[in-house]
Structures are given as structure tokens and as C-alpha cells.
Protein backbone atom coordinates (compact mmCIF):
# COMPACT_ATOMS: atom_id res chain seq x y z
CA UNK A 1 5.66 -19.36 -22.23
CA UNK A 2 5.77 -19.25 -26.02
CA UNK A 3 2.75 -17.69 -27.77
CA UNK A 4 1.72 -17.80 -31.41
CA UNK A 5 0.40 -14.31 -32.04
CA UNK A 6 0.04 -11.49 -34.55
CA UNK A 7 2.67 -8.84 -35.22
CA UNK A 8 1.24 -5.68 -36.82
CA UNK A 9 2.61 -4.27 -40.07
CA UNK A 10 1.51 -1.57 -42.51
CA UNK A 11 0.21 1.98 -42.43
CA UNK A 12 -2.61 3.48 -40.41
CA UNK A 13 -5.94 1.88 -41.29
CA UNK A 14 -4.15 -0.52 -43.66
CA UNK A 15 -2.93 -3.09 -41.19
CA UNK A 16 -1.66 -6.54 -42.07
CA UNK A 17 -0.12 -9.03 -39.69
CA UNK A 18 2.60 -11.64 -39.47
CA UNK A 19 1.91 -14.75 -37.44
CA UNK A 20 4.93 -15.22 -35.18
CA UNK A 21 6.20 -17.32 -32.28
CA UNK A 22 7.22 -15.03 -29.40
CA UNK A 23 7.84 -15.13 -25.70
CA UNK A 24 4.58 -14.05 -24.01
CA UNK A 25 6.32 -11.27 -22.06
CA UNK A 26 7.82 -9.70 -25.24
CA UNK A 27 6.22 -6.57 -26.70
CA UNK A 28 3.77 -6.94 -29.60
CA UNK A 29 6.10 -5.72 -32.35
CA UNK A 30 9.32 -7.00 -30.83
CA UNK A 31 11.75 -9.48 -32.32
CA UNK A 32 10.04 -12.87 -32.84
CA UNK A 33 11.58 -16.29 -32.32
CA UNK A 34 10.27 -17.29 -35.75
CA UNK A 35 7.89 -15.92 -38.38
CA UNK A 36 5.30 -18.54 -39.29
CA UNK A 37 2.88 -16.87 -41.66
CA UNK A 38 1.04 -13.81 -42.90
CA UNK A 39 -2.56 -12.57 -42.49
CA UNK A 40 -4.28 -9.66 -44.23
CA UNK A 41 -7.76 -9.07 -42.73
CA UNK A 42 -8.74 -6.59 -45.47
CA UNK A 43 -8.37 -9.07 -48.33
CA UNK A 44 -8.65 -12.27 -46.29
CA UNK A 45 -5.28 -13.47 -47.61
CA UNK A 46 -3.52 -15.98 -45.40
CA UNK A 47 -0.16 -17.70 -45.94
CA UNK A 48 1.01 -20.25 -43.37
CA UNK A 49 4.09 -22.40 -42.86
CA UNK A 50 2.03 -25.38 -41.68
CA UNK A 51 4.97 -27.67 -40.82
CA UNK A 52 6.58 -25.08 -38.55
CA UNK A 53 3.21 -24.12 -36.99
CA UNK A 54 2.49 -27.75 -36.11
CA UNK A 55 6.01 -28.11 -34.68
CA UNK A 56 5.44 -25.13 -32.35
CA UNK A 57 1.96 -26.36 -31.36
CA UNK A 58 3.27 -29.86 -30.57
CA UNK A 59 6.06 -28.31 -28.47
CA UNK A 60 3.49 -26.50 -26.31
CA UNK A 61 3.17 -23.04 -27.87
CA UNK A 62 -0.21 -21.46 -27.10
CA UNK A 63 -2.00 -19.60 -29.93
CA UNK A 64 -3.95 -16.45 -29.12
CA UNK A 65 -7.69 -16.50 -29.84
CA UNK A 66 -7.31 -14.73 -33.20
CA UNK A 67 -4.45 -16.96 -34.34
CA UNK A 68 -6.43 -20.03 -33.21
CA UNK A 69 -9.34 -18.92 -35.43
CA UNK A 70 -6.98 -18.45 -38.39
CA UNK A 71 -5.49 -21.91 -37.82
CA UNK A 72 -8.97 -23.42 -37.47
CA UNK A 73 -10.00 -21.93 -40.85
CA UNK A 74 -6.85 -23.45 -42.37
CA UNK A 75 -7.76 -26.77 -40.67
CA UNK A 76 -4.47 -26.96 -38.76
CA UNK A 77 -6.20 -27.01 -35.37
CA UNK A 78 -9.10 -29.24 -34.41
CA UNK A 79 -12.43 -28.27 -32.87
CA UNK A 80 -11.11 -28.26 -29.29
CA UNK A 81 -8.88 -25.20 -28.69
CA UNK A 82 -5.21 -26.11 -29.16
CA UNK A 83 -5.86 -29.67 -30.38
CA UNK A 84 -3.90 -30.66 -33.52
CA UNK A 85 -6.05 -32.11 -36.32
CA UNK A 86 -4.65 -35.64 -36.06
CA UNK A 87 -5.86 -36.01 -32.47
CA UNK A 88 -9.36 -37.51 -32.14
CA UNK A 89 -11.83 -35.18 -30.49
CA UNK A 90 -14.50 -36.32 -28.06
CA UNK A 91 -17.72 -37.28 -29.79
CA UNK A 92 -20.64 -35.01 -28.93
CA UNK A 93 -23.42 -36.51 -26.83
CA UNK A 94 -26.65 -37.37 -28.62
CA UNK A 95 -29.59 -35.09 -27.85
CA UNK A 96 -32.19 -36.66 -25.54
CA UNK A 97 -35.21 -38.22 -27.21
CA UNK A 98 -38.35 -36.05 -27.23
CA UNK A 99 -40.77 -37.16 -24.53
CA UNK A 100 -44.36 -37.92 -25.52
CA UNK A 101 -45.72 -36.77 -22.16
CA UNK A 102 -45.15 -33.08 -22.94
CA UNK A 103 -47.81 -33.08 -25.67
CA UNK A 104 -51.12 -34.90 -25.30
CA UNK A 105 -51.81 -37.49 -27.94
CA UNK A 106 -54.67 -37.06 -30.42
CA UNK A 107 -56.86 -39.64 -28.66
CA UNK A 108 -56.60 -37.81 -25.33
CA UNK A 109 -57.48 -34.50 -27.00
CA UNK A 110 -60.62 -35.97 -28.64
CA UNK A 111 -61.69 -37.63 -25.37
CA UNK A 112 -61.48 -34.31 -23.51
CA UNK A 113 -63.72 -32.38 -25.92
CA UNK A 114 -66.99 -34.34 -25.45
CA UNK A 115 -66.74 -34.22 -21.64
CA UNK A 116 -66.53 -30.45 -21.73
CA UNK A 117 -69.63 -30.24 -23.97
CA UNK A 118 -71.74 -32.40 -21.60
CA UNK A 119 -70.91 -30.28 -18.56
């Protein structure tokens, strides 16, 4: 299975990453099939080859959770994990209407007060 994942670069405590397409059984810093972008978590800089990323996603490559979040921020992946943006997502269900039985109405509350006073 092909995974879109991060490949670590840089010195100790100064990590930056390349977003790469790799076989899932390959080691983290091994030779990638293709380099697709760059991510620096310290500065927040992200560079992506969006055409190639979409090609890999449409061919069945699975992004890791971190790469999926990066792609979501770049709006290359839709709200459902692994869904390309062009695909329509399911519409969320409307919240149920608030029931009036949970809270007594004002007329019931005023009716209850005089009966307590007469007792």
C-alpha cells in the first residue's frame, strides 16, 4: 500500500519534513517514490505540489493523520478523511427541535403558585 507521509530532515530540535509517497513497509527516511511537498512545523511554512498530490490520492494512496491535516489546511482534502475536495460530502443532519415539555410554560408556573399558598 502506498502512503503519503512525512520524511524527517534537519538537525536535532530543528526538524523539517518532506511530504513523500512511499510504500508503507519502507523505513521512514528511506527512498521515496516521489517527493510531493515540504512542511516546516516551526515556521508553519508549507509547499505542496497539489496536482501530484491529487493524482496519488485519486490512485488510492492513503495519507497519514498528520499529512491529512496538512492537506485539509491547504483545502486539498475534504471534511471526510481521504475525500478529495471535488467530491460532495454528506450533509449533516439537522439538530432535533427543542421540546416544550421539558420546561413548564409561564401559565403553568403561575397556576402552581396560588395552589401552594392555599394549602
